Amino acid sequence: MTSPLHRSVPVTDAAELTERWRGLLQKMRAPDSRTLCLAWFLPDGTMAELVVPVDDIPVEPDRVMLGNLAQLTEVVAEHERVEPAELHLAFCLERRGPSYLTPDDQAWVAAIEAVLRGREGRDCSVHVAADTWVVPALPRVSW
């Protein structure tokens, strides 16, 4: 039997993506600082092998960093033998603190939307996590 966290199990809707992040974060160490995790999903909903945690991100969004991270999509696409536009880039902002979206979280979500969707034209989503709390903050454009 294949675990629902296994990358070969397709993620087909927003609830499954939230559960995937919850499971992935449980397997990772709890961050000492703010961490932005990136994962890529193929057109069939399966997950690429690479999950990238970026530790010690600042409280205020760094748009240059986001643009640089978006370029990783090219590398993942080449490895997975698909076009970059076919990949869905899923972000999860993990941090300590309250179990609700803070103004700092909302600023990061807005920056990701502006840089990735606006400037880069990429399909992306954002979740925010604190402890066992994980919520979608920017949904995927389409499933």
Protein backbone atom coordinates (compact mmCIF):
# COMPACT_ATOMS: atom_id res chain seq x y z
CA MET A 1 0.00 0.00 0.00
CA THR A 2 1.28 3.48 -0.87
CA SER A 3 1.23 6.16 1.81
CA PRO A 4 -0.79 9.30 0.94
CA LEU A 5 2.44 11.20 1.62
CA HIS A 6 4.35 9.26 -1.00
CA ARG A 7 5.23 11.45 -3.95
CA SER A 8 3.65 8.99 -6.41
CA VAL A 9 0.18 9.53 -4.88
CA PRO A 10 -1.43 12.38 -6.84
CA VAL A 11 -2.67 15.53 -5.13
CA THR A 12 -5.89 16.46 -6.91
CA ASP A 13 -7.49 19.21 -4.83
CA ALA A 14 -6.84 21.91 -2.24
CA ALA A 15 -7.66 19.70 0.76
CA GLU A 16 -5.21 17.01 -0.39
CA LEU A 17 -2.50 19.65 -0.85
CA THR A 18 -3.05 20.89 2.70
CA GLU A 19 -2.81 17.31 4.00
CA ARG A 20 0.35 16.72 1.97
CA TRP A 21 1.98 19.78 3.56
CA ARG A 22 0.84 18.66 7.02
CA GLY A 23 2.43 15.27 6.50
CA LEU A 24 5.63 16.62 4.98
CA LEU A 25 6.11 19.11 7.80
CA GLN A 26 5.64 16.37 10.41
CA LYS A 27 8.53 14.50 8.82
CA MET A 28 10.78 17.59 8.84
CA ARG A 29 12.33 19.16 11.89
CA ALA A 30 10.47 22.05 13.50
CA PRO A 31 12.08 25.30 12.36
CA ASP A 32 14.02 27.50 14.74
CA SER A 33 13.29 30.40 12.43
CA ARG A 34 10.96 31.23 9.57
CA THR A 35 11.28 28.64 6.79
CA LEU A 36 9.87 28.77 3.28
CA CYS A 37 9.46 25.28 1.80
CA LEU A 38 9.05 24.69 -1.92
CA ALA A 39 7.63 21.60 -3.62
CA TRP A 40 6.71 21.00 -7.24
CA PHE A 41 3.80 18.99 -8.61
CA LEU A 42 3.66 17.44 -12.07
CA PRO A 43 0.64 17.70 -14.38
CA ASP A 44 -0.71 14.35 -13.09
CA GLY A 45 -0.63 15.62 -9.49
CA THR A 46 2.36 13.57 -8.40
CA MET A 47 5.14 15.35 -6.56
CA ALA A 48 8.64 15.94 -7.90
CA GLU A 49 11.44 14.45 -5.80
CA LEU A 50 12.83 17.79 -4.69
CA VAL A 51 11.51 19.62 -1.61
CA VAL A 52 13.54 22.72 -0.78
CA PRO A 53 13.42 24.29 2.69
CA VAL A 54 14.84 27.82 2.81
CA ASP A 55 15.64 28.66 6.42
CA ASP A 56 15.99 32.03 8.12
CA ILE A 57 13.79 33.98 5.74
CA PRO A 58 13.21 37.56 6.84
CA VAL A 59 9.96 38.82 8.32
CA GLU A 60 9.50 41.16 5.37
CA PRO A 61 9.19 39.55 1.93
CA ASP A 62 12.29 39.42 -0.25
CA ARG A 63 11.11 39.70 -3.86
CA VAL A 64 14.59 39.16 -5.30
CA MET A 65 14.89 35.90 -3.36
CA LEU A 66 11.46 34.82 -4.62
CA GLY A 67 12.50 35.48 -8.21
CA ASN A 68 15.64 33.42 -7.69
CA LEU A 69 13.67 30.58 -6.12
CA ALA A 70 11.26 30.62 -9.06
CA GLN A 71 14.23 29.84 -11.31
CA LEU A 72 14.58 26.48 -9.55
CA THR A 73 11.47 25.48 -11.49
CA GLU A 74 13.62 25.31 -14.63
CA VAL A 75 15.94 22.78 -12.96
CA VAL A 76 13.05 20.68 -11.63
CA ALA A 77 11.32 20.74 -15.02
CA GLU A 78 14.47 19.55 -16.77
CA HIS A 79 14.95 16.75 -14.24
CA GLU A 80 11.30 15.68 -14.52
CA ARG A 81 11.31 16.06 -18.33
CA VAL A 82 8.39 18.48 -18.48
CA GLU A 83 8.01 22.10 -19.47
CA PRO A 84 8.37 24.58 -16.59
CA ALA A 85 4.85 25.92 -17.23
CA GLU A 86 3.46 22.42 -16.57
CA LEU A 87 4.69 22.42 -12.97
CA HIS A 88 2.75 23.69 -9.99
CA LEU A 89 5.02 25.34 -7.42
CA ALA A 90 3.67 24.95 -3.89
CA PHE A 91 5.07 27.06 -1.06
CA CYS A 92 4.63 26.58 2.66
CA LEU A 93 5.71 29.32 5.05
CA GLU A 94 6.48 27.62 8.34
CA ARG A 95 7.07 29.68 11.44
CA ARG A 96 6.59 29.76 15.17
CA GLY A 97 3.78 31.79 16.63
CA PRO A 98 0.03 32.09 16.48
CA SER A 99 -2.30 29.73 14.65
CA TYR A 100 -3.74 32.38 12.35
CA LEU A 101 -2.52 34.40 9.40
CA THR A 102 -0.53 37.38 10.61
CA PRO A 103 0.10 40.60 8.66
CA ASP A 104 3.66 39.33 8.03
CA ASP A 105 2.26 36.09 6.56
CA GLN A 106 -0.12 38.07 4.37
CA ALA A 107 2.77 40.23 3.13
CA TRP A 108 4.67 37.09 2.06
CA VAL A 109 1.58 35.67 0.36
CA ALA A 110 1.06 38.93 -1.53
CA ALA A 111 4.72 39.02 -2.58
CA ILE A 112 4.64 35.41 -3.80
CA GLU A 113 1.49 36.11 -5.77
CA ALA A 114 2.97 39.28 -7.31
CA VAL A 115 6.33 37.74 -8.20
CA LEU A 116 5.36 34.20 -9.16
CA ARG A 117 1.95 34.68 -10.71
CA GLY A 118 2.30 38.28 -11.82
CA ARG A 119 5.87 38.72 -12.99
CA GLU A 120 6.88 35.08 -13.67
CA GLY A 121 3.47 33.81 -14.85
CA ARG A 122 3.80 30.60 -12.81
CA ASP A 123 1.08 28.53 -11.21
CA CYS A 124 1.69 28.54 -7.47
CA SER A 125 -0.01 28.16 -4.12
CA VAL A 126 0.91 29.13 -0.57
CA HIS A 127 0.21 27.49 2.77
CA VAL A 128 1.16 28.85 6.18
CA ALA A 129 2.06 26.55 9.06
CA ALA A 130 2.71 26.92 12.77
CA ASP A 131 3.15 23.81 14.90
CA THR A 132 0.40 21.39 13.73
CA TRP A 133 -1.71 24.17 12.17
CA VAL A 134 -1.51 24.32 8.33
CA VAL A 135 -3.86 26.46 6.22
CA PRO A 136 -4.05 27.48 2.58
CA ALA A 137 -3.33 31.20 2.16
CA LEU A 138 -3.20 31.38 -1.65
CA PRO A 139 -5.05 28.66 -3.55
CA ARG A 140 -3.89 27.10 -6.77
CA VAL A 141 -5.38 28.80 -9.83
CA SER A 142 -6.96 25.61 -11.16
CA TRP A 143 -6.95 21.89 -10.50
